[in-house]
């Protein structure tokens, strides 16, 4: 989408665009479930580090959006320390 080319997954226009797609919401729901399970299992086994990575063609729209959404979910549901790094943006 040309109008989003200079934007990132942190921008309202991109977030609004992706929020309108049910497949994105379904994907994130699955991600949240999988990561929640993993966090619980890691805590049970006394592991201290879990890495989750997202990728997309340019690394600035979908992957950033998904990482930000997962960050929000984890902050709301888990008691974990989170470091978020957007490789293509940082």
Protein backbone atom coordinates (compact mmCIF):
# COMPACT_ATOMS: atom_id res chain seq x y z
CA UNK A 1 0.00 0.00 0.00
CA UNK A 2 1.74 3.12 -1.28
CA UNK A 3 0.15 5.48 1.28
CA UNK A 4 1.80 3.55 4.14
CA UNK A 5 5.26 3.25 2.62
CA UNK A 6 6.89 5.93 4.77
CA UNK A 7 5.03 4.86 7.92
CA UNK A 8 5.60 2.03 10.40
CA UNK A 9 3.48 -0.34 12.45
CA UNK A 10 3.62 2.24 15.24
CA UNK A 11 1.65 4.80 13.21
CA UNK A 12 -2.10 5.15 13.70
CA UNK A 13 -2.88 4.84 9.99
CA UNK A 14 -1.05 1.52 9.70
CA UNK A 15 -2.52 0.20 12.97
CA UNK A 16 -6.02 1.18 11.85
CA UNK A 17 -5.48 -0.52 8.49
CA UNK A 18 -4.25 -3.75 10.09
CA UNK A 19 -6.95 -3.65 12.79
CA UNK A 20 -9.56 -3.87 10.01
CA UNK A 21 -8.30 -7.24 8.78
CA UNK A 22 -9.82 -10.24 10.60
CA UNK A 23 -6.92 -12.49 9.56
CA UNK A 24 -4.49 -10.23 11.43
CA UNK A 25 -6.65 -10.38 14.55
CA UNK A 26 -6.91 -14.16 14.24
CA UNK A 27 -3.14 -14.45 13.80
CA UNK A 28 -2.49 -12.34 16.90
CA UNK A 29 -4.97 -14.33 18.94
CA UNK A 30 -3.06 -17.50 18.05
CA UNK A 31 0.26 -15.82 18.84
CA UNK A 32 -1.03 -14.66 22.24
CA UNK A 33 -2.22 -18.15 23.09
CA UNK A 34 1.07 -19.75 22.06
CA UNK A 35 3.22 -17.18 23.88
CA UNK A 36 1.08 -17.35 27.03
CA UNK A 37 1.52 -21.12 27.07
CA UNK A 38 5.25 -20.76 26.51
CA UNK A 39 5.63 -18.20 29.31
CA UNK A 40 3.79 -20.50 31.70
CA UNK A 41 5.94 -23.50 30.73
CA UNK A 42 9.15 -21.45 30.95
CA UNK A 43 8.21 -20.27 34.43
CA UNK A 44 7.38 -23.84 35.50
CA UNK A 45 10.84 -24.95 34.33
CA UNK A 46 12.60 -21.90 35.83
CA UNK A 47 13.79 -20.67 32.44
CA UNK A 48 14.56 -16.99 32.34
CA UNK A 49 14.62 -16.03 28.65
CA UNK A 50 12.09 -16.46 25.86
CA UNK A 51 12.47 -14.80 22.48
CA UNK A 52 9.62 -14.16 20.08
CA UNK A 53 10.37 -12.78 16.62
CA UNK A 54 8.17 -11.51 13.83
CA UNK A 55 9.22 -10.95 10.26
CA UNK A 56 7.66 -9.44 7.19
CA UNK A 57 8.87 -8.23 3.81
CA UNK A 58 10.24 -4.85 4.89
CA UNK A 59 10.30 -5.17 8.65
CA UNK A 60 8.48 -1.94 9.35
CA UNK A 61 4.74 -2.51 9.12
CA UNK A 62 3.23 -5.90 9.99
CA UNK A 63 6.08 -7.21 12.12
CA UNK A 64 6.28 -3.96 14.10
CA UNK A 65 2.52 -3.92 14.56
CA UNK A 66 2.48 -7.55 15.75
CA UNK A 67 5.38 -7.03 18.15
CA UNK A 68 3.73 -3.95 19.63
CA UNK A 69 0.43 -5.81 20.04
CA UNK A 70 2.16 -8.75 21.72
CA UNK A 71 3.98 -6.35 24.04
CA UNK A 72 0.66 -4.79 25.03
CA UNK A 73 -0.90 -8.22 25.60
CA UNK A 74 1.99 -9.44 27.76
CA UNK A 75 1.99 -6.27 29.85
CA UNK A 76 -1.72 -6.77 30.50
CA UNK A 77 -1.64 -10.50 31.24
CA UNK A 78 1.81 -11.64 32.36
CA UNK A 79 4.24 -10.58 35.05
CA UNK A 80 7.37 -10.65 32.89
CA UNK A 81 10.17 -8.29 31.97
CA UNK A 82 10.05 -7.41 28.28
CA UNK A 83 12.64 -5.98 25.95
CA UNK A 84 11.28 -4.99 22.54
CA UNK A 85 13.63 -4.39 19.64
CA UNK A 86 12.56 -3.48 16.10
CA UNK A 87 15.65 -4.47 14.15
CA UNK A 88 14.79 -2.49 11.01
CA UNK A 89 13.66 0.62 12.92
CA UNK A 90 16.22 0.83 15.72
